[in-house]
Amino acid sequence: MFGALGVASEIGFEETFSRALQTLFVIPDRERRFMCIGSAWPPYVREFMDAYSPDESAQARFRPTPRDVSIYLDVLSWGRGLDRLAWQILIWRSCGLSFRAIADQFDVSGEAIRLRYGHAIDQIRIAAYAAKTVTRVSAA
């Protein structure tokens, strides 16, 4: 199972889960259009620095590969047992925030966030191996 997902080590679990989170945020939600009132006006920039920034270069947006799209739900299911704080740390890390920046949001030390992040990755790895074991037993 992990060979098909491209997960081979601790860093592989971390990178795969991060890519799954990024894929979740860039895939459009087709049902969202029914939950809001639309407008014919084009979207506009709401922040001053976005509207009048000195450099006109756009930020590179994450583009998921077809492999990312096909496996992201399976990978995200490994995080079902995580609490809300662990999910928030994982989401912010997948967006590129440092442990120090996340720690400033929670008013704790960067070491506490790093340990919490490591514990969340360990829980994801344990859940992934458990899913692999269940798949193997059910196939037999």
Protein backbone atom coordinates (compact mmCIF):
# COMPACT_ATOMS: atom_id res chain seq x y z
CA MET A 1 0.00 0.00 0.00
CA PHE A 2 2.75 2.45 0.95
CA GLY A 3 4.75 1.64 -2.16
CA ALA A 4 1.76 2.70 -4.27
CA LEU A 5 1.42 5.91 -2.24
CA GLY A 6 5.13 6.66 -2.41
CA VAL A 7 5.63 6.59 1.36
CA ALA A 8 8.88 4.98 2.45
CA SER A 9 10.04 6.74 5.61
CA GLU A 10 9.11 9.22 8.36
CA ILE A 11 9.81 12.11 6.00
CA GLY A 12 7.68 10.33 3.40
CA PHE A 13 4.69 10.29 5.75
CA GLU A 14 5.20 13.95 6.60
CA GLU A 15 5.54 15.04 2.97
CA THR A 16 2.65 12.88 1.77
CA PHE A 17 0.30 14.20 4.47
CA SER A 18 1.36 17.78 3.74
CA ARG A 19 0.69 17.32 0.02
CA ALA A 20 -2.71 15.78 0.85
CA LEU A 21 -3.64 18.84 2.92
CA GLN A 22 -2.53 21.19 0.16
CA THR A 23 -4.51 19.16 -2.39
CA LEU A 24 -7.61 19.40 -0.18
CA PHE A 25 -7.40 23.20 -0.19
CA VAL A 26 -6.89 23.68 -3.94
CA ILE A 27 -9.49 21.23 -5.25
CA PRO A 28 -12.69 23.17 -5.93
CA ASP A 29 -15.81 22.26 -4.00
CA ARG A 30 -18.61 21.87 -6.52
CA GLU A 31 -21.36 22.05 -3.87
CA ARG A 32 -20.10 25.32 -2.42
CA ARG A 33 -21.86 27.34 -5.12
CA PHE A 34 -25.24 26.36 -3.66
CA MET A 35 -24.34 27.69 -0.20
CA CYS A 36 -23.56 31.30 -1.06
CA ILE A 37 -25.01 34.17 -3.00
CA GLY A 38 -23.02 34.84 -6.13
CA SER A 39 -22.35 38.04 -7.96
CA ALA A 40 -21.56 38.99 -11.53
CA TRP A 41 -18.79 41.31 -10.35
CA PRO A 42 -15.24 40.01 -10.63
CA PRO A 43 -13.39 39.30 -7.39
CA TYR A 44 -11.42 42.22 -6.05
CA VAL A 45 -8.40 42.56 -3.82
CA ARG A 46 -9.32 43.33 -0.23
CA GLU A 47 -5.96 44.21 1.28
CA PHE A 48 -3.90 47.29 0.56
CA MET A 49 -0.61 45.42 0.18
CA ASP A 50 -2.18 42.95 -2.22
CA ALA A 51 -3.68 45.73 -4.30
CA TYR A 52 -0.69 48.06 -4.38
CA SER A 53 2.31 45.85 -3.85
CA PRO A 54 5.54 47.03 -5.45
CA ASP A 55 6.17 43.73 -7.20
CA GLU A 56 3.53 42.40 -9.51
CA SER A 57 4.71 38.79 -9.43
CA ALA A 58 2.02 36.35 -8.38
CA GLN A 59 2.76 33.70 -5.79
CA ALA A 60 3.20 30.20 -7.08
CA ARG A 61 0.08 28.19 -6.28
CA PHE A 62 0.28 24.52 -5.41
CA ARG A 63 -0.69 22.35 -8.35
CA PRO A 64 -1.51 18.77 -7.34
CA THR A 65 -0.46 15.95 -9.60
CA PRO A 66 -3.02 13.33 -10.66
CA ARG A 67 -1.39 10.99 -8.12
CA ASP A 68 -1.98 13.57 -5.36
CA VAL A 69 -5.65 13.87 -6.28
CA SER A 70 -6.17 10.11 -6.38
CA ILE A 71 -4.66 9.40 -2.94
CA TYR A 72 -5.38 12.49 -0.84
CA LEU A 73 -8.57 11.16 0.79
CA ASP A 74 -6.86 7.91 1.78
CA VAL A 75 -3.93 9.83 3.24
CA LEU A 76 -6.17 12.27 5.12
CA SER A 77 -8.08 9.35 6.64
CA TRP A 78 -4.90 8.51 8.58
CA GLY A 79 -5.46 11.67 10.61
CA ARG A 80 -8.93 10.78 11.90
CA GLY A 81 -7.70 10.26 15.45
CA LEU A 82 -5.99 13.65 15.74
CA ASP A 83 -7.40 16.43 17.87
CA ARG A 84 -8.18 19.92 16.61
CA LEU A 85 -4.89 21.46 17.74
CA ALA A 86 -2.83 18.80 15.99
CA TRP A 87 -4.81 19.37 12.77
CA GLN A 88 -4.22 23.12 13.01
CA ILE A 89 -0.48 22.64 13.45
CA LEU A 90 -0.34 20.24 10.50
CA ILE A 91 -2.31 22.63 8.30
CA TRP A 92 -0.09 25.59 9.16
CA ARG A 93 3.07 23.54 8.61
CA SER A 94 1.77 22.42 5.20
CA CYS A 95 1.29 26.11 4.32
CA GLY A 96 4.96 26.74 5.11
CA LEU A 97 4.80 28.38 8.53
CA SER A 98 7.71 27.79 10.88
CA PHE A 99 7.38 26.27 14.33
CA ARG A 100 8.18 29.69 15.80
CA ALA A 101 5.37 31.40 13.85
CA ILE A 102 2.88 28.75 14.94
CA ALA A 103 4.11 29.01 18.53
CA ASP A 104 3.51 32.77 18.46
CA GLN A 105 -0.13 32.12 17.52
CA PHE A 106 -0.62 29.83 20.53
CA ASP A 107 1.66 31.77 22.93
CA VAL A 108 3.81 28.72 23.65
CA SER A 109 7.41 27.81 22.87
CA GLY A 110 8.53 26.61 19.47
CA GLU A 111 9.83 23.43 21.10
CA ALA A 112 6.32 22.60 22.39
CA ILE A 113 4.90 22.99 18.89
CA ARG A 114 7.71 20.91 17.40
CA LEU A 115 7.05 18.10 19.89
CA ARG A 116 3.30 18.26 19.27
CA TYR A 117 3.94 18.13 15.51
CA GLY A 118 6.22 15.11 15.90
CA HIS A 119 3.59 13.37 18.02
CA ALA A 120 0.92 14.05 15.36
CA ILE A 121 3.18 12.61 12.64
CA ASP A 122 3.76 9.53 14.81
CA GLN A 123 -0.01 9.09 15.22
CA ILE A 124 -0.45 9.39 11.46
CA ARG A 125 2.23 6.77 10.85
CA ILE A 126 0.62 4.39 13.37
CA ALA A 127 -2.80 4.87 11.75
CA ALA A 128 -1.31 4.26 8.31
CA TYR A 129 0.29 0.99 9.41
CA ALA A 130 -2.98 -0.03 11.10
CA ALA A 131 -4.86 0.64 7.85
CA LYS A 132 -2.28 -1.45 6.00
CA THR A 133 -2.78 -4.32 8.46
CA VAL A 134 -6.58 -4.18 8.17
CA THR A 135 -6.33 -4.20 4.38
CA ARG A 136 -4.02 -7.22 4.48
CA VAL A 137 -6.26 -9.15 6.90
CA SER A 138 -9.45 -8.41 4.96
CA ALA A 139 -7.79 -9.47 1.70
CA ALA A 140 -6.86 -12.88 3.14
